Structures are given as C-alpha cells and as structure tokens.
Amino acid sequence: MFGLGWPEVGIILLAALLIFGPKKIPELGSSLGKTLRGFKEEINNPTDEDLEDKE
C-alpha cells in the first residue's frame, strides 16, 4: 500500500485522530468516499461535454 507498512499507517491514523478529533473523522471519510465515487463514475461514464473537449 504505497510502500507504507502497518506502523506508518497507524501513526498516520493516530495523527489524524489527534488533529481532527473523533467526531470529525467519519465526516471526512464520508466526504472522501463521495469524492472518490464521483471521480470513478466520471472516469467510467464521461459526459458528452467532456468528449467534445478532446476533439
């Protein structure tokens, strides 16, 4: 996973918990999930407007 081991991932999660707090973490995860879902959807189904820009 991006060259990170479990100790590094744990430190990153601990730092995020300290910075954002336990109440904000689910909101951040939800917004990140929505963003990634929208990005994936746009990659798989480009709109007509996006196709016209490439021509």
PDB file of N, CA and C in Angstrom:
ATOM      1  N   MET A   1       0.845  -1.179   0.000  1.00  0.00           N
ATOM      2  CA  MET A   1       0.000   0.000   0.000  1.00  0.00           C
ATOM      3  C   MET A   1       0.883   1.233   0.000  1.00  0.00           C
ATOM      4  N   PHE A   2       1.290   1.710  -1.155  1.00  0.00           N
ATOM      5  CA  PHE A   2       2.103   2.900  -1.338  1.00  0.00           C
ATOM      6  C   PHE A   2       3.439   2.814  -0.596  1.00  0.00           C
ATOM      7  N   GLY A   3       3.927   1.618  -0.364  1.00  0.00           N
ATOM      8  CA  GLY A   3       5.203   1.455   0.319  1.00  0.00           C
ATOM      9  C   GLY A   3       5.135   1.732   1.814  1.00  0.00           C
ATOM     10  N   LEU A   4       3.935   1.782   2.368  1.00  0.00           N
ATOM     11  CA  LEU A   4       3.764   2.030   3.797  1.00  0.00           C
ATOM     12  C   LEU A   4       3.492   0.710   4.511  1.00  0.00           C
ATOM     13  N   GLY A   5       4.122   0.546   5.655  1.00  0.00           N
ATOM     14  CA  GLY A   5       3.850  -0.617   6.484  1.00  0.00           C
ATOM     15  C   GLY A   5       2.788  -0.282   7.513  1.00  0.00           C
ATOM     16  N   TRP A   6       2.394  -1.274   8.300  1.00  0.00           N
ATOM     17  CA  TRP A   6       1.368  -1.064   9.307  1.00  0.00           C
ATOM     18  C   TRP A   6       1.764  -0.036  10.362  1.00  0.00           C
ATOM     19  N   PRO A   7       3.033   0.004  10.793  1.00  0.00           N
ATOM     20  CA  PRO A   7       3.389   1.039  11.781  1.00  0.00           C
ATOM     21  C   PRO A   7       3.186   2.460  11.246  1.00  0.00           C
ATOM     22  N   GLU A   8       3.543   2.689   9.980  1.00  0.00           N
ATOM     23  CA  GLU A   8       3.361   4.016   9.387  1.00  0.00           C
ATOM     24  C   GLU A   8       1.886   4.377   9.254  1.00  0.00           C
ATOM     25  N   VAL A   9       1.070   3.411   8.833  1.00  0.00           N
ATOM     26  CA  VAL A   9      -0.372   3.643   8.701  1.00  0.00           C
ATOM     27  C   VAL A   9      -0.958   3.968  10.072  1.00  0.00           C
ATOM     28  N   GLY A  10      -0.532   3.256  11.094  1.00  0.00           N
ATOM     29  CA  GLY A  10      -1.015   3.514  12.453  1.00  0.00           C
ATOM     30  C   GLY A  10      -0.656   4.908  12.932  1.00  0.00           C
ATOM     31  N   ILE A  11       0.551   5.338  12.647  1.00  0.00           N
ATOM     32  CA  ILE A  11       0.979   6.686  13.041  1.00  0.00           C
ATOM     33  C   ILE A  11       0.155   7.744  12.310  1.00  0.00           C
ATOM     34  N   ILE A  12      -0.102   7.534  11.031  1.00  0.00           N
ATOM     35  CA  ILE A  12      -0.911   8.481  10.255  1.00  0.00           C
ATOM     36  C   ILE A  12      -2.328   8.549  10.815  1.00  0.00           C
ATOM     37  N   LEU A  13      -2.916   7.404  11.129  1.00  0.00           N
ATOM     38  CA  LEU A  13      -4.271   7.387  11.693  1.00  0.00           C
ATOM     39  C   LEU A  13      -4.313   8.061  13.057  1.00  0.00           C
ATOM     40  N   LEU A  14      -3.307   7.831  13.877  1.00  0.00           N
ATOM     41  CA  LEU A  14      -3.234   8.471  15.190  1.00  0.00           C
ATOM     42  C   LEU A  14      -3.105   9.990  15.050  1.00  0.00           C
ATOM     43  N   ALA A  15      -2.280  10.425  14.115  1.00  0.00           N
ATOM     44  CA  ALA A  15      -2.118  11.861  13.880  1.00  0.00           C
ATOM     45  C   ALA A  15      -3.431  12.474  13.392  1.00  0.00           C
ATOM     46  N   ALA A  16      -4.137  11.795  12.501  1.00  0.00           N
ATOM     47  CA  ALA A  16      -5.427  12.297  12.010  1.00  0.00           C
ATOM     48  C   ALA A  16      -6.432  12.380  13.143  1.00  0.00           C
ATOM     49  N   LEU A  17      -6.420  11.398  14.017  1.00  0.00           N
ATOM     50  CA  LEU A  17      -7.330  11.410  15.163  1.00  0.00           C
ATOM     51  C   LEU A  17      -7.028  12.574  16.092  1.00  0.00           C
ATOM     52  N   LEU A  18      -5.758  12.849  16.322  1.00  0.00           N
ATOM     53  CA  LEU A  18      -5.378  13.962  17.186  1.00  0.00           C
ATOM     54  C   LEU A  18      -5.693  15.317  16.551  1.00  0.00           C
ATOM     55  N   ILE A  19      -5.511  15.428  15.253  1.00  0.00           N
ATOM     56  CA  ILE A  19      -5.725  16.704  14.569  1.00  0.00           C
ATOM     57  C   ILE A  19      -7.213  17.000  14.409  1.00  0.00           C
ATOM     58  N   PHE A  20      -7.984  16.038  13.919  1.00  0.00           N
ATOM     59  CA  PHE A  20      -9.378  16.286  13.574  1.00  0.00           C
ATOM     60  C   PHE A  20     -10.359  15.918  14.681  1.00  0.00           C
ATOM     61  N   GLY A  21      -9.976  15.029  15.567  1.00  0.00           N
ATOM     62  CA  GLY A  21     -10.875  14.605  16.631  1.00  0.00           C
ATOM     63  C   GLY A  21     -11.758  13.454  16.196  1.00  0.00           C
ATOM     64  N   PRO A  22     -12.282  12.716  17.164  1.00  0.00           N
ATOM     65  CA  PRO A  22     -13.072  11.518  16.821  1.00  0.00           C
ATOM     66  C   PRO A  22     -14.410  11.822  16.162  1.00  0.00           C
ATOM     67  N   LYS A  23     -14.957  13.005  16.364  1.00  0.00           N
ATOM     68  CA  LYS A  23     -16.260  13.321  15.768  1.00  0.00           C
ATOM     69  C   LYS A  23     -16.135  13.709  14.295  1.00  0.00           C
ATOM     70  N   LYS A  24     -15.003  14.243  13.903  1.00  0.00           N
ATOM     71  CA  LYS A  24     -14.822  14.746  12.538  1.00  0.00           C
ATOM     72  C   LYS A  24     -14.364  13.641  11.576  1.00  0.00           C
ATOM     73  N   ILE A  25     -13.739  12.589  12.080  1.00  0.00           N
ATOM     74  CA  ILE A  25     -13.187  11.528  11.226  1.00  0.00           C
ATOM     75  C   ILE A  25     -14.272  10.870  10.351  1.00  0.00           C
ATOM     76  N   PRO A  26     -15.443  10.491  10.882  1.00  0.00           N
ATOM     77  CA  PRO A  26     -16.467   9.891   9.993  1.00  0.00           C
ATOM     78  C   PRO A  26     -16.935  10.839   8.897  1.00  0.00           C
ATOM     79  N   GLU A  27     -17.034  12.126   9.209  1.00  0.00           N
ATOM     80  CA  GLU A  27     -17.437  13.099   8.191  1.00  0.00           C
ATOM     81  C   GLU A  27     -16.396  13.177   7.081  1.00  0.00           C
ATOM     82  N   LEU A  28     -15.129  13.173   7.463  1.00  0.00           N
ATOM     83  CA  LEU A  28     -14.061  13.215   6.464  1.00  0.00           C
ATOM     84  C   LEU A  28     -14.068  11.963   5.599  1.00  0.00           C
ATOM     85  N   GLY A  29     -14.275  10.809   6.224  1.00  0.00           N
ATOM     86  CA  GLY A  29     -14.339   9.557   5.470  1.00  0.00           C
ATOM     87  C   GLY A  29     -15.502   9.540   4.499  1.00  0.00           C
ATOM     88  N   SER A  30     -16.629  10.055   4.937  1.00  0.00           N
ATOM     89  CA  SER A  30     -17.818  10.101   4.085  1.00  0.00           C
ATOM     90  C   SER A  30     -17.592  11.012   2.880  1.00  0.00           C
ATOM     91  N   SER A  31     -17.043  12.191   3.123  1.00  0.00           N
ATOM     92  CA  SER A  31     -16.815  13.114   2.007  1.00  0.00           C
ATOM     93  C   SER A  31     -15.745  12.576   1.054  1.00  0.00           C
ATOM     94  N   LEU A  32     -14.730  11.908   1.583  1.00  0.00           N
ATOM     95  CA  LEU A  32     -13.711  11.305   0.728  1.00  0.00           C
ATOM     96  C   LEU A  32     -14.328  10.202  -0.127  1.00  0.00           C
ATOM     97  N   GLY A  33     -15.194   9.388   0.465  1.00  0.00           N
ATOM     98  CA  GLY A  33     -15.858   8.322  -0.283  1.00  0.00           C
ATOM     99  C   GLY A  33     -16.731   8.865  -1.403  1.00  0.00           C
ATOM    100  N   LYS A  34     -17.479   9.944  -1.117  1.00  0.00           N
ATOM    101  CA  LYS A  34     -18.326  10.554  -2.142  1.00  0.00           C
ATOM    102  C   LYS A  34     -17.485  11.121  -3.277  1.00  0.00           C
ATOM    103  N   THR A  35     -16.367  11.740  -2.921  1.00  0.00           N
ATOM    104  CA  THR A  35     -15.479  12.307  -3.934  1.00  0.00           C
ATOM    105  C   THR A  35     -14.894  11.218  -4.827  1.00  0.00           C
ATOM    106  N   LEU A  36     -14.405  10.151  -4.214  1.00  0.00           N
ATOM    107  CA  LEU A  36     -13.825   9.055  -4.996  1.00  0.00           C
ATOM    108  C   LEU A  36     -14.879   8.363  -5.855  1.00  0.00           C
ATOM    109  N   ARG A  37     -16.099   8.214  -5.318  1.00  0.00           N
ATOM    110  CA  ARG A  37     -17.187   7.598  -6.072  1.00  0.00           C
ATOM    111  C   ARG A  37     -17.534   8.440  -7.299  1.00  0.00           C
ATOM    112  N   GLY A  38     -17.611   9.753  -7.116  1.00  0.00           N
ATOM    113  CA  GLY A  38     -17.910  10.642  -8.230  1.00  0.00           C
ATOM    114  C   GLY A  38     -16.810  10.629  -9.275  1.00  0.00           C
ATOM    115  N   PHE A  39     -15.566  10.592  -8.818  1.00  0.00           N
ATOM    116  CA  PHE A  39     -14.430  10.538  -9.740  1.00  0.00           C
ATOM    117  C   PHE A  39     -14.454   9.248 -10.551  1.00  0.00           C
ATOM    118  N   LYS A  40     -14.702   8.126  -9.879  1.00  0.00           N
ATOM    119  CA  LYS A  40     -14.749   6.831 -10.559  1.00  0.00           C
ATOM    120  C   LYS A  40     -15.893   6.798 -11.568  1.00  0.00           C
ATOM    121  N   GLU A  41     -17.038   7.352 -11.184  1.00  0.00           N
ATOM    122  CA  GLU A  41     -18.195   7.388 -12.084  1.00  0.00           C
ATOM    123  C   GLU A  41     -17.892   8.226 -13.323  1.00  0.00           C
ATOM    124  N   GLU A  42     -17.230   9.344 -13.140  1.00  0.00           N
ATOM    125  CA  GLU A  42     -16.893  10.219 -14.267  1.00  0.00           C
ATOM    126  C   GLU A  42     -15.872   9.562 -15.196  1.00  0.00           C
ATOM    127  N   ILE A  43     -14.946   8.794 -14.639  1.00  0.00           N
ATOM    128  CA  ILE A  43     -13.963   8.074 -15.463  1.00  0.00           C
ATOM    129  C   ILE A  43     -14.669   7.008 -16.304  1.00  0.00           C
ATOM    130  N   ASN A  44     -15.602   6.286 -15.690  1.00  0.00           N
ATOM    131  CA  ASN A  44     -16.281   5.197 -16.395  1.00  0.00           C
ATOM    132  C   ASN A  44     -17.332   5.694 -17.381  1.00  0.00           C
ATOM    133  N   ASN A  45     -17.971   6.820 -17.089  1.00  0.00           N
ATOM    134  CA  ASN A  45     -19.045   7.338 -17.940  1.00  0.00           C
ATOM    135  C   ASN A  45     -18.832   8.821 -18.213  1.00  0.00           C
ATOM    136  N   PRO A  46     -17.916   9.153 -19.103  1.00  0.00           N
ATOM    137  CA  PRO A  46     -17.700  10.583 -19.375  1.00  0.00           C
ATOM    138  C   PRO A  46     -18.929  11.204 -20.030  1.00  0.00           C
ATOM    139  N   THR A  47     -19.175  12.460 -19.736  1.00  0.00           N
ATOM    140  CA  THR A  47     -20.322  13.155 -20.319  1.00  0.00           C
ATOM    141  C   THR A  47     -19.991  13.585 -21.740  1.00  0.00           C
ATOM    142  N   ASP A  48     -21.013  13.969 -22.489  1.00  0.00           N
ATOM    143  CA  ASP A  48     -20.817  14.433 -23.862  1.00  0.00           C
ATOM    144  C   ASP A  48     -19.923  15.669 -23.885  1.00  0.00           C
ATOM    145  N   GLU A  49     -20.078  16.503 -22.878  1.00  0.00           N
ATOM    146  CA  GLU A  49     -19.290  17.745 -22.789  1.00  0.00           C
ATOM    147  C   GLU A  49     -17.795  17.418 -22.697  1.00  0.00           C
ATOM    148  N   ASP A  50     -17.456  16.394 -21.929  1.00  0.00           N
ATOM    149  CA  ASP A  50     -16.054  16.004 -21.785  1.00  0.00           C
ATOM    150  C   ASP A  50     -15.504  15.443 -23.104  1.00  0.00           C
ATOM    151  N   LEU A  51     -16.333  14.724 -23.839  1.00  0.00           N
ATOM    152  CA  LEU A  51     -15.891  14.135 -25.095  1.00  0.00           C
ATOM    153  C   LEU A  51     -15.662  15.215 -26.164  1.00  0.00           C
ATOM    154  N   GLU A  52     -16.452  16.280 -26.148  1.00  0.00           N
ATOM    155  CA  GLU A  52     -16.288  17.358 -27.124  1.00  0.00           C
ATOM    156  C   GLU A  52     -14.987  18.104 -26.918  1.00  0.00           C
ATOM    157  N   ASP A  53     -14.521  18.210 -25.676  1.00  0.00           N
ATOM    158  CA  ASP A  53     -13.278  18.918 -25.375  1.00  0.00           C
ATOM    159  C   ASP A  53     -12.067  18.214 -25.974  1.00  0.00           C
ATOM    160  N   LYS A  54     -12.132  16.908 -26.115  1.00  0.00           N
ATOM    161  CA  LYS A  54     -10.990  16.151 -26.616  1.00  0.00           C
ATOM    162  C   LYS A  54     -10.860  16.214 -28.130  1.00  0.00           C
ATOM    163  N   GLU A  55     -11.928  16.554 -28.812  1.00  0.00           N
ATOM    164  CA  GLU A  55     -11.896  16.573 -30.288  1.00  0.00           C
ATOM    165  C   GLU A  55     -11.332  17.840 -30.830  1.00  0.00           C
TER     166      GLU A  55
END
